[in-house]
Amino acid sequence: MIFYHIDNTKFKFPYGFKKRCSDWINKTVIKENSQLGTINIIVTSDELLLEKNIEYLNHNFYTDIITFDYSSKDKIFGDLFISYDRVVENAKQYENVTIDELKRVIIHGILHLLGYKDQTPPEKAIMTQKENFYLKLF
């Protein structure tokens, strides 16, 4: 199950987005030979995500997503906290449509839940390749 939440931001999911996004995430998880547990996608503000970044990761900077992974051996479970403010800024910076940037951030978090990392240049390259592949399936 995938649940969508909005906290401390004026963002609203476009009509039909949640259903299409849930189907897309489920297809991604199946293609990665895993099973879907419960996922919470929480779209929030820079301020609230910064608080989480400081409290849980000891990072004092803005970020577009923080993924809390509760996955088991058989299923992925987790919370994706997304800063809508960062998504908007990233879309401007990369000359992308805001909703497409949101999809990129969501699939990035899902890939983390599936075990992909992005700490080293080779890991980042694989993550970006996977993001681009799955974005085409939306």
N, C-alpha and C. Protein backbone atom coordinates (compact mmCIF):
# COMPACT_ATOMS: atom_id res chain seq x y z
N MET A 1 0.83 -1.19 0.00
CA MET A 1 0.00 0.00 0.00
C MET A 1 0.87 1.25 0.00
N ILE A 2 0.43 2.22 -0.72
CA ILE A 2 1.14 3.49 -0.77
C ILE A 2 0.17 4.57 -0.31
N PHE A 3 0.64 5.36 0.66
CA PHE A 3 -0.16 6.44 1.20
C PHE A 3 0.52 7.76 0.87
N TYR A 4 -0.27 8.76 0.54
CA TYR A 4 0.23 10.08 0.15
C TYR A 4 -0.22 11.10 1.19
N HIS A 5 0.73 11.93 1.62
CA HIS A 5 0.46 12.94 2.64
C HIS A 5 1.06 14.27 2.20
N ILE A 6 0.41 15.34 2.62
CA ILE A 6 0.94 16.70 2.41
C ILE A 6 1.01 17.35 3.78
N ASP A 7 2.18 17.90 4.10
CA ASP A 7 2.37 18.50 5.41
C ASP A 7 3.12 19.83 5.27
N ASN A 8 2.49 20.91 5.70
CA ASN A 8 3.12 22.23 5.77
C ASN A 8 3.55 22.77 4.40
N THR A 9 2.77 22.49 3.38
CA THR A 9 3.04 23.05 2.07
C THR A 9 1.72 23.17 1.31
N LYS A 10 1.68 24.04 0.32
CA LYS A 10 0.46 24.27 -0.46
C LYS A 10 0.35 23.33 -1.65
N PHE A 11 1.30 22.44 -1.81
CA PHE A 11 1.28 21.49 -2.92
C PHE A 11 0.01 20.64 -2.89
N LYS A 12 -0.50 20.33 -4.07
CA LYS A 12 -1.61 19.39 -4.21
C LYS A 12 -1.25 18.42 -5.33
N PHE A 13 -1.49 17.15 -5.09
CA PHE A 13 -1.22 16.16 -6.13
C PHE A 13 -2.18 16.38 -7.30
N PRO A 14 -1.67 16.35 -8.53
CA PRO A 14 -2.56 16.50 -9.69
C PRO A 14 -3.57 15.35 -9.76
N TYR A 15 -4.70 15.62 -10.38
CA TYR A 15 -5.74 14.62 -10.53
C TYR A 15 -5.17 13.36 -11.20
N GLY A 16 -5.40 12.22 -10.59
CA GLY A 16 -4.97 10.94 -11.14
C GLY A 16 -3.53 10.57 -10.84
N PHE A 17 -2.77 11.49 -10.28
CA PHE A 17 -1.34 11.24 -10.05
C PHE A 17 -1.11 10.09 -9.07
N LYS A 18 -1.84 10.08 -7.98
CA LYS A 18 -1.61 9.06 -6.95
C LYS A 18 -1.79 7.65 -7.51
N LYS A 19 -2.84 7.44 -8.27
CA LYS A 19 -3.10 6.10 -8.85
C LYS A 19 -1.99 5.72 -9.82
N ARG A 20 -1.66 6.64 -10.74
CA ARG A 20 -0.60 6.35 -11.71
C ARG A 20 0.74 6.12 -11.02
N CYS A 21 1.02 6.93 -10.00
CA CYS A 21 2.28 6.80 -9.27
C CYS A 21 2.34 5.47 -8.52
N SER A 22 1.25 5.10 -7.89
CA SER A 22 1.22 3.82 -7.16
C SER A 22 1.43 2.65 -8.10
N ASP A 23 0.78 2.67 -9.26
CA ASP A 23 0.95 1.61 -10.25
C ASP A 23 2.40 1.55 -10.72
N TRP A 24 2.98 2.70 -10.95
CA TRP A 24 4.37 2.81 -11.41
C TRP A 24 5.35 2.27 -10.36
N ILE A 25 5.14 2.65 -9.12
CA ILE A 25 6.01 2.16 -8.05
C ILE A 25 5.89 0.65 -7.94
N ASN A 26 4.68 0.13 -8.01
CA ASN A 26 4.48 -1.30 -7.91
C ASN A 26 5.19 -2.03 -9.05
N LYS A 27 5.10 -1.51 -10.28
CA LYS A 27 5.80 -2.11 -11.43
C LYS A 27 7.31 -2.09 -11.21
N THR A 28 7.80 -0.98 -10.68
CA THR A 28 9.24 -0.85 -10.40
C THR A 28 9.69 -1.91 -9.40
N VAL A 29 8.94 -2.05 -8.33
CA VAL A 29 9.29 -3.01 -7.28
C VAL A 29 9.28 -4.43 -7.84
N ILE A 30 8.29 -4.75 -8.66
CA ILE A 30 8.22 -6.09 -9.27
C ILE A 30 9.41 -6.31 -10.20
N LYS A 31 9.73 -5.31 -11.03
CA LYS A 31 10.88 -5.44 -11.95
C LYS A 31 12.19 -5.64 -11.19
N GLU A 32 12.25 -5.11 -9.96
CA GLU A 32 13.45 -5.25 -9.14
C GLU A 32 13.38 -6.51 -8.25
N ASN A 33 12.43 -7.39 -8.57
CA ASN A 33 12.29 -8.67 -7.87
C ASN A 33 12.08 -8.53 -6.38
N SER A 34 11.25 -7.57 -6.02
CA SER A 34 10.90 -7.37 -4.62
C SER A 34 9.38 -7.30 -4.50
N GLN A 35 8.92 -7.11 -3.28
CA GLN A 35 7.49 -6.97 -3.03
C GLN A 35 7.24 -5.67 -2.29
N LEU A 36 6.07 -5.10 -2.56
CA LEU A 36 5.71 -3.83 -1.96
C LEU A 36 5.02 -4.05 -0.63
N GLY A 37 5.56 -3.41 0.40
CA GLY A 37 4.90 -3.35 1.70
C GLY A 37 4.18 -2.01 1.78
N THR A 38 4.31 -1.33 2.89
CA THR A 38 3.67 -0.01 3.06
C THR A 38 4.70 1.09 2.84
N ILE A 39 4.32 2.04 1.99
CA ILE A 39 5.16 3.21 1.69
C ILE A 39 4.33 4.45 2.00
N ASN A 40 4.92 5.39 2.72
CA ASN A 40 4.33 6.70 2.94
C ASN A 40 5.14 7.72 2.17
N ILE A 41 4.47 8.48 1.32
CA ILE A 41 5.11 9.57 0.59
C ILE A 41 4.58 10.85 1.19
N ILE A 42 5.48 11.58 1.87
CA ILE A 42 5.10 12.79 2.59
C ILE A 42 5.75 13.99 1.90
N VAL A 43 4.95 14.84 1.29
CA VAL A 43 5.46 16.05 0.65
C VAL A 43 5.34 17.18 1.66
N THR A 44 6.46 17.81 1.94
CA THR A 44 6.50 18.80 3.01
C THR A 44 7.34 20.01 2.58
N SER A 45 7.70 20.83 3.54
CA SER A 45 8.46 22.06 3.28
C SER A 45 9.94 21.86 3.57
N ASP A 46 10.74 22.82 3.08
CA ASP A 46 12.17 22.83 3.41
C ASP A 46 12.39 22.80 4.92
N GLU A 47 11.62 23.61 5.64
CA GLU A 47 11.83 23.74 7.09
C GLU A 47 11.64 22.41 7.81
N LEU A 48 10.54 21.72 7.50
CA LEU A 48 10.29 20.45 8.18
C LEU A 48 11.29 19.38 7.78
N LEU A 49 11.69 19.38 6.53
CA LEU A 49 12.68 18.38 6.11
C LEU A 49 14.05 18.69 6.70
N LEU A 50 14.38 19.97 6.82
CA LEU A 50 15.64 20.34 7.47
C LEU A 50 15.66 19.87 8.92
N GLU A 51 14.55 20.03 9.63
CA GLU A 51 14.47 19.53 11.00
C GLU A 51 14.75 18.03 11.07
N LYS A 52 14.17 17.27 10.16
CA LYS A 52 14.39 15.82 10.11
C LYS A 52 15.84 15.51 9.76
N ASN A 53 16.40 16.27 8.83
CA ASN A 53 17.77 16.05 8.42
C ASN A 53 18.73 16.26 9.59
N ILE A 54 18.47 17.28 10.39
CA ILE A 54 19.31 17.55 11.57
C ILE A 54 19.08 16.48 12.63
N GLU A 55 17.82 16.20 12.94
CA GLU A 55 17.48 15.28 14.02
C GLU A 55 17.94 13.85 13.76
N TYR A 56 17.71 13.35 12.55
CA TYR A 56 17.96 11.94 12.29
C TYR A 56 19.28 11.65 11.59
N LEU A 57 19.79 12.61 10.82
CA LEU A 57 21.01 12.36 10.06
C LEU A 57 22.17 13.26 10.47
N ASN A 58 21.90 14.20 11.38
CA ASN A 58 22.93 15.14 11.83
C ASN A 58 23.51 15.95 10.66
N HIS A 59 22.66 16.26 9.68
CA HIS A 59 23.04 17.08 8.53
C HIS A 59 22.29 18.40 8.62
N ASN A 60 23.02 19.51 8.62
CA ASN A 60 22.39 20.81 8.73
C ASN A 60 22.34 21.50 7.36
N PHE A 61 21.61 20.88 6.45
CA PHE A 61 21.44 21.47 5.12
C PHE A 61 20.13 20.98 4.52
N TYR A 62 19.65 21.75 3.53
CA TYR A 62 18.42 21.37 2.82
C TYR A 62 18.70 20.18 1.91
N THR A 63 17.69 19.38 1.73
CA THR A 63 17.77 18.25 0.81
C THR A 63 16.39 18.04 0.18
N ASP A 64 16.35 17.34 -0.93
CA ASP A 64 15.06 17.13 -1.58
C ASP A 64 14.31 15.93 -1.03
N ILE A 65 15.01 14.94 -0.49
CA ILE A 65 14.36 13.75 0.04
C ILE A 65 15.18 13.12 1.15
N ILE A 66 14.46 12.60 2.11
CA ILE A 66 15.05 11.73 3.13
C ILE A 66 14.21 10.45 3.12
N THR A 67 14.88 9.33 2.99
CA THR A 67 14.21 8.04 2.94
C THR A 67 14.48 7.29 4.23
N PHE A 68 13.41 6.93 4.91
CA PHE A 68 13.51 6.09 6.11
C PHE A 68 13.11 4.68 5.68
N ASP A 69 14.06 3.77 5.79
CA ASP A 69 13.90 2.41 5.28
C ASP A 69 13.57 1.46 6.43
N TYR A 70 12.41 0.83 6.35
CA TYR A 70 11.99 -0.17 7.33
C TYR A 70 11.79 -1.52 6.65
N SER A 71 12.45 -1.72 5.53
CA SER A 71 12.22 -2.91 4.73
C SER A 71 12.62 -4.18 5.47
N SER A 72 11.92 -5.24 5.13
CA SER A 72 12.26 -6.56 5.64
C SER A 72 12.97 -7.31 4.52
N LYS A 73 13.30 -8.53 4.78
CA LYS A 73 13.98 -9.33 3.78
C LYS A 73 13.11 -9.54 2.54
N ASP A 74 11.79 -9.62 2.75
CA ASP A 74 10.88 -9.97 1.66
C ASP A 74 10.15 -8.79 1.03
N LYS A 75 10.00 -7.68 1.76
CA LYS A 75 9.20 -6.56 1.27
C LYS A 75 9.86 -5.24 1.59
N ILE A 76 9.55 -4.24 0.74
CA ILE A 76 10.05 -2.90 1.05
C ILE A 76 8.97 -2.13 1.81
N PHE A 77 9.42 -1.44 2.84
CA PHE A 77 8.59 -0.57 3.66
C PHE A 77 9.39 0.71 3.88
N GLY A 78 8.74 1.85 3.93
CA GLY A 78 9.49 3.05 4.24
C GLY A 78 8.66 4.31 4.15
N ASP A 79 9.30 5.38 4.60
CA ASP A 79 8.73 6.73 4.54
C ASP A 79 9.64 7.58 3.66
N LEU A 80 9.04 8.24 2.67
CA LEU A 80 9.77 9.16 1.81
C LEU A 80 9.32 10.57 2.16
N PHE A 81 10.19 11.33 2.81
CA PHE A 81 9.91 12.73 3.12
C PHE A 81 10.53 13.57 2.03
N ILE A 82 9.69 14.33 1.33
CA ILE A 82 10.13 15.10 0.17
C ILE A 82 9.87 16.59 0.40
N SER A 83 10.89 17.39 0.16
CA SER A 83 10.72 18.85 0.24
C SER A 83 10.20 19.36 -1.09
N TYR A 84 8.98 19.85 -1.08
CA TYR A 84 8.41 20.42 -2.30
C TYR A 84 9.21 21.66 -2.72
N ASP A 85 9.70 22.42 -1.75
CA ASP A 85 10.51 23.60 -2.07
C ASP A 85 11.75 23.22 -2.87
N ARG A 86 12.43 22.15 -2.47
CA ARG A 86 13.62 21.69 -3.19
C ARG A 86 13.25 21.16 -4.57
N VAL A 87 12.13 20.45 -4.66
CA VAL A 87 11.68 19.91 -5.95
C VAL A 87 11.46 21.06 -6.93
N VAL A 88 10.82 22.13 -6.48
CA VAL A 88 10.58 23.29 -7.34
C VAL A 88 11.91 23.91 -7.77
N GLU A 89 12.82 24.09 -6.82
CA GLU A 89 14.14 24.68 -7.14
C GLU A 89 14.92 23.79 -8.10
N ASN A 90 14.91 22.47 -7.86
CA ASN A 90 15.61 21.54 -8.75
C ASN A 90 15.03 21.60 -10.16
N ALA A 91 13.71 21.67 -10.25
CA ALA A 91 13.07 21.74 -11.57
C ALA A 91 13.54 22.98 -12.32
N LYS A 92 13.62 24.10 -11.62
CA LYS A 92 14.10 25.34 -12.25
C LYS A 92 15.56 25.18 -12.69
N GLN A 93 16.38 24.67 -11.77
CA GLN A 93 17.81 24.53 -12.04
C GLN A 93 18.08 23.61 -13.23
N TYR A 94 17.34 22.51 -13.31
CA TYR A 94 17.58 21.52 -14.37
C TYR A 94 16.63 21.68 -15.56
N GLU A 95 15.89 22.81 -15.55
CA GLU A 95 14.95 23.12 -16.63
C GLU A 95 14.01 21.95 -16.88
N ASN A 96 13.42 21.50 -15.80
CA ASN A 96 12.51 20.35 -15.82
C ASN A 96 11.13 20.81 -15.35
N VAL A 97 10.12 20.06 -15.67
CA VAL A 97 8.77 20.32 -15.19
C VAL A 97 8.71 19.84 -13.73
N THR A 98 8.06 20.62 -12.87
CA THR A 98 8.03 20.32 -11.44
C THR A 98 7.52 18.92 -11.15
N ILE A 99 6.43 18.49 -11.78
CA ILE A 99 5.87 17.17 -11.49
C ILE A 99 6.83 16.07 -11.94
N ASP A 100 7.59 16.31 -13.01
CA ASP A 100 8.59 15.32 -13.45
C ASP A 100 9.74 15.24 -12.45
N GLU A 101 10.10 16.37 -11.88
CA GLU A 101 11.14 16.37 -10.85
C GLU A 101 10.65 15.64 -9.61
N LEU A 102 9.39 15.81 -9.26
CA LEU A 102 8.81 15.08 -8.13
C LEU A 102 8.87 13.58 -8.38
N LYS A 103 8.55 13.16 -9.60
CA LYS A 103 8.63 11.74 -9.93
C LYS A 103 10.06 11.22 -9.78
N ARG A 104 11.04 12.03 -10.19
CA ARG A 104 12.44 11.61 -10.07
C ARG A 104 12.81 11.42 -8.60
N VAL A 105 12.38 12.32 -7.76
CA VAL A 105 12.71 12.23 -6.34
C VAL A 105 12.00 11.01 -5.72
N ILE A 106 10.76 10.78 -6.10
CA ILE A 106 10.05 9.62 -5.59
C ILE A 106 10.75 8.33 -5.99
N ILE A 107 11.10 8.17 -7.25
CA ILE A 107 11.74 6.93 -7.68
C ILE A 107 13.12 6.79 -7.05
N HIS A 108 13.78 7.90 -6.80
CA HIS A 108 15.07 7.87 -6.10
C HIS A 108 14.89 7.24 -4.72
N GLY A 109 13.86 7.69 -3.99
CA GLY A 109 13.59 7.11 -2.67
C GLY A 109 13.22 5.64 -2.75
N ILE A 110 12.41 5.27 -3.73
CA ILE A 110 12.04 3.86 -3.90
C ILE A 110 13.27 3.02 -4.18
N LEU A 111 14.17 3.52 -5.01
CA LEU A 111 15.40 2.78 -5.29
C LEU A 111 16.25 2.59 -4.04
N HIS A 112 16.27 3.59 -3.17
CA HIS A 112 16.96 3.41 -1.88
C HIS A 112 16.32 2.27 -1.09
N LEU A 113 14.99 2.24 -1.06
CA LEU A 113 14.30 1.16 -0.34
C LEU A 113 14.61 -0.20 -0.95
N LEU A 114 14.90 -0.22 -2.24
CA LEU A 114 15.24 -1.46 -2.92
C LEU A 114 16.71 -1.84 -2.74
N GLY A 115 17.46 -1.00 -2.01
CA GLY A 115 18.84 -1.34 -1.69
C GLY A 115 19.90 -0.59 -2.45
N TYR A 116 19.52 0.29 -3.37
CA TYR A 116 20.51 1.04 -4.12
C TYR A 116 21.06 2.18 -3.27
N LYS A 117 22.35 2.43 -3.43
CA LYS A 117 23.04 3.49 -2.70
C LYS A 117 23.51 4.54 -3.69
N ASP A 118 23.93 5.70 -3.15
CA ASP A 118 24.45 6.77 -4.02
C ASP A 118 25.58 7.55 -3.35
N GLN A 119 26.39 6.86 -2.59
CA GLN A 119 27.47 7.52 -1.85
C GLN A 119 28.75 7.67 -2.67
N THR A 120 28.97 6.79 -3.63
CA THR A 120 30.19 6.84 -4.44
C THR A 120 29.82 7.17 -5.88
N PRO A 121 30.78 7.64 -6.69
CA PRO A 121 30.47 7.91 -8.10
C PRO A 121 29.89 6.70 -8.86
N PRO A 122 30.42 5.48 -8.69
CA PRO A 122 29.80 4.35 -9.39
C PRO A 122 28.37 4.07 -8.91
N GLU A 123 28.11 4.22 -7.61
CA GLU A 123 26.75 4.03 -7.08
C GLU A 123 25.81 5.10 -7.64
N LYS A 124 26.29 6.34 -7.69
CA LYS A 124 25.47 7.43 -8.23
C LYS A 124 25.14 7.18 -9.70
N ALA A 125 26.11 6.67 -10.45
CA ALA A 125 25.88 6.40 -11.87
C ALA A 125 24.79 5.33 -12.04
N ILE A 126 24.85 4.28 -11.25
CA ILE A 126 23.84 3.22 -11.32
C ILE A 126 22.48 3.78 -10.91
N MET A 127 22.45 4.57 -9.84
CA MET A 127 21.19 5.16 -9.37
C MET A 127 20.57 6.03 -10.45
N THR A 128 21.37 6.88 -11.08
CA THR A 128 20.86 7.77 -12.14
C THR A 128 20.35 6.95 -13.33
N GLN A 129 21.08 5.91 -13.70
CA GLN A 129 20.65 5.04 -14.80
C GLN A 129 19.31 4.39 -14.47
N LYS A 130 19.15 3.90 -13.24
CA LYS A 130 17.89 3.28 -12.82
C LYS A 130 16.76 4.31 -12.80
N GLU A 131 17.04 5.50 -12.27
CA GLU A 131 16.02 6.56 -12.24
C GLU A 131 15.53 6.85 -13.66
N ASN A 132 16.46 7.04 -14.58
CA ASN A 132 16.08 7.36 -15.96
C ASN A 132 15.27 6.23 -16.60
N PHE A 133 15.66 4.99 -16.33
CA PHE A 133 14.94 3.84 -16.87
C PHE A 133 13.50 3.82 -16.35
N TYR A 134 13.35 3.95 -15.03
CA TYR A 134 12.01 3.84 -14.45
C TYR A 134 11.15 5.07 -14.73
N LEU A 135 11.75 6.22 -14.89
CA LEU A 135 10.96 7.41 -15.24
C LEU A 135 10.26 7.23 -16.58
N LYS A 136 10.91 6.52 -17.50
CA LYS A 136 10.30 6.27 -18.80
C LYS A 136 9.08 5.35 -18.69
N LEU A 137 8.98 4.61 -17.61
CA LEU A 137 7.84 3.68 -17.43
C LEU A 137 6.63 4.32 -16.79
N PHE A 138 6.75 5.57 -16.35
CA PHE A 138 5.61 6.22 -15.67
C PHE A 138 4.43 6.36 -16.61
